[in-house]
Protein backbone atom coordinates (compact mmCIF):
# COMPACT_ATOMS: atom_id res chain seq x y z
CA MET A 1 0.00 0.00 0.00
CA VAL A 2 1.10 3.56 -0.69
CA ARG A 3 1.82 5.93 2.21
CA ASP A 4 -1.42 7.87 1.61
CA ASP A 5 -3.42 4.66 2.02
CA TYR A 6 -3.02 4.17 5.77
CA GLN A 7 -6.10 3.35 7.81
CA GLU A 8 -7.02 5.98 10.36
CA THR A 9 -10.73 5.45 11.01
CA VAL A 10 -12.27 1.98 10.60
CA LEU A 11 -15.91 2.12 9.50
CA ASN A 12 -16.70 -1.54 8.92
CA TYR A 13 -14.83 -4.83 8.95
CA GLY A 14 -15.46 -8.54 9.08
CA ARG A 15 -15.89 -11.37 6.58
CA THR A 16 -17.35 -10.96 3.12
CA ASP A 17 -20.79 -12.56 2.77
CA GLY A 18 -21.83 -11.75 -0.79
CA ILE A 19 -23.96 -8.82 0.41
CA ASN A 20 -21.58 -6.50 2.28
CA LEU A 21 -19.12 -6.38 -0.66
CA PRO A 22 -20.93 -7.65 -3.78
CA GLY A 23 -18.67 -9.41 -6.25
CA MET A 24 -16.09 -10.50 -3.70
CA PRO A 25 -15.61 -14.15 -2.76
CA GLU A 26 -17.43 -15.04 0.44
CA GLY A 27 -15.65 -15.68 3.72
CA ILE A 28 -12.54 -13.52 3.43
CA GLY A 29 -11.60 -10.59 5.64
CA PHE A 30 -12.34 -7.00 4.67
CA SER A 31 -12.20 -3.51 6.07
CA ILE A 32 -13.69 -0.20 4.99
CA ASP A 33 -11.87 2.77 6.44
CA TYR A 34 -10.53 6.20 5.72
CA ASN A 35 -7.91 8.83 6.48
CA PRO A 36 -7.94 12.58 5.78
CA LYS A 37 -7.33 11.96 2.06
CA TYR A 38 -8.78 8.59 0.99
CA GLY A 39 -11.65 6.24 1.62
CA LEU A 40 -10.33 2.69 1.45
CA VAL A 41 -11.63 -0.81 0.77
CA ASP A 42 -9.28 -3.67 1.63
CA VAL A 43 -10.04 -7.37 1.15
CA LEU A 44 -7.44 -9.74 2.55
CA VAL A 45 -7.06 -13.44 1.70
CA SER A 46 -5.17 -14.16 4.92
CA GLY A 47 -3.19 -12.05 7.35
CA ASP A 48 -1.98 -9.14 5.27
CA VAL A 49 -2.10 -10.83 1.83
CA SER A 50 -4.23 -8.49 -0.24
CA PHE A 51 -6.94 -9.77 -2.61
CA PHE A 52 -8.34 -6.33 -3.44
CA GLU A 53 -7.36 -2.77 -2.56
CA GLY A 54 -9.27 0.28 -3.70
CA ARG A 55 -9.45 3.94 -2.76
CA ILE A 56 -11.32 7.13 -3.49
CA ASN A 57 -10.36 10.70 -2.68
CA ILE A 58 -12.65 12.05 0.06
CA GLU A 59 -11.01 15.40 0.83
CA LYS A 60 -13.87 17.40 -0.73
CA LEU A 61 -16.49 15.29 1.05
CA LEU A 62 -14.75 15.75 4.42
CA SER A 63 -14.58 19.52 3.90
CA GLU A 64 -18.38 19.58 3.48
CA TYR A 65 -18.86 17.94 6.89
CA GLN A 66 -16.40 19.91 9.04
CA SER A 67 -19.05 20.90 11.56
CA ALA A 68 -20.80 17.51 11.66
CA THR A 69 -20.48 14.95 14.42
CA LYS A 70 -18.05 12.06 14.03
CA ASP A 71 -20.98 9.64 13.56
CA GLU A 72 -22.47 11.80 10.78
CA VAL A 73 -19.09 12.07 9.05
CA ASN A 74 -18.51 8.32 9.33
CA SER A 75 -21.95 7.56 7.93
CA GLN A 76 -21.48 9.92 4.95
CA VAL A 77 -17.97 8.64 4.24
CA GLU A 78 -19.02 4.99 4.39
CA GLY A 79 -21.97 5.69 2.07
CA PHE A 80 -19.68 7.48 -0.38
CA ILE A 81 -17.08 4.68 -0.34
CA MET A 82 -19.76 2.03 -0.90
CA GLU A 83 -21.33 4.04 -3.73
CA ALA A 84 -17.89 4.27 -5.37
CA TYR A 85 -17.32 0.51 -4.83
CA ASN A 86 -20.74 -0.36 -6.29
CA ASN A 87 -20.19 1.98 -9.25
CA LEU A 88 -16.89 0.23 -9.96
CA GLY A 89 -18.59 -3.16 -9.92
CA ASP A 90 -21.43 -1.99 -12.14
CA SER A 91 -19.10 -0.39 -14.67
CA LEU A 92 -17.03 -3.61 -14.87
CA ASN A 93 -20.07 -5.89 -15.12
CA ASN A 94 -22.12 -3.67 -17.45
CA PRO A 95 -19.68 -1.62 -19.55
CA GLU A 96 -22.29 -1.15 -22.29
CA LYS A 97 -24.27 1.12 -19.93
CA TYR A 98 -21.51 3.72 -19.77
CA VAL A 99 -19.96 6.13 -22.24
CA ASN A 100 -17.90 7.47 -19.33
CA PRO A 101 -17.25 5.75 -15.99
CA PRO A 102 -19.83 6.54 -13.30
CA THR A 103 -18.90 8.85 -10.45
CA PRO A 104 -17.84 8.43 -7.79
CA ILE A 105 -15.81 5.36 -8.70
CA LEU A 106 -13.23 3.48 -6.67
CA GLU A 107 -9.67 3.45 -7.98
CA VAL A 108 -8.33 -0.12 -7.99
CA LEU A 109 -4.86 -0.32 -6.47
CA SER A 110 -4.57 -4.11 -6.59
CA TYR A 111 -6.82 -7.02 -7.47
CA LYS A 112 -5.88 -10.66 -7.55
CA GLY A 113 -9.27 -12.00 -8.65
């Protein structure tokens, strides 16, 4: 992972179940988190062996919620990250729907699928 991709605030973690991260194999570890620059999705095969890593810049989103509570910020950030993740999946599975990629969309850093 690149230096900017460190986890600062964990929003969700556990095992994939086919619903929480559509398109990922079931039963492997994942985390959804963020830092002041990026929202991150990490899926690990075992220990720290990465299966999927993705990120999206959230600086603008965070600036819009400067006066919000931590819970409100976390909720908005997690929703934004998941929208970007789902847009990525949809654009890969249904490329004929798009002239341009949907936004927001997760940037794939690594994928061993």
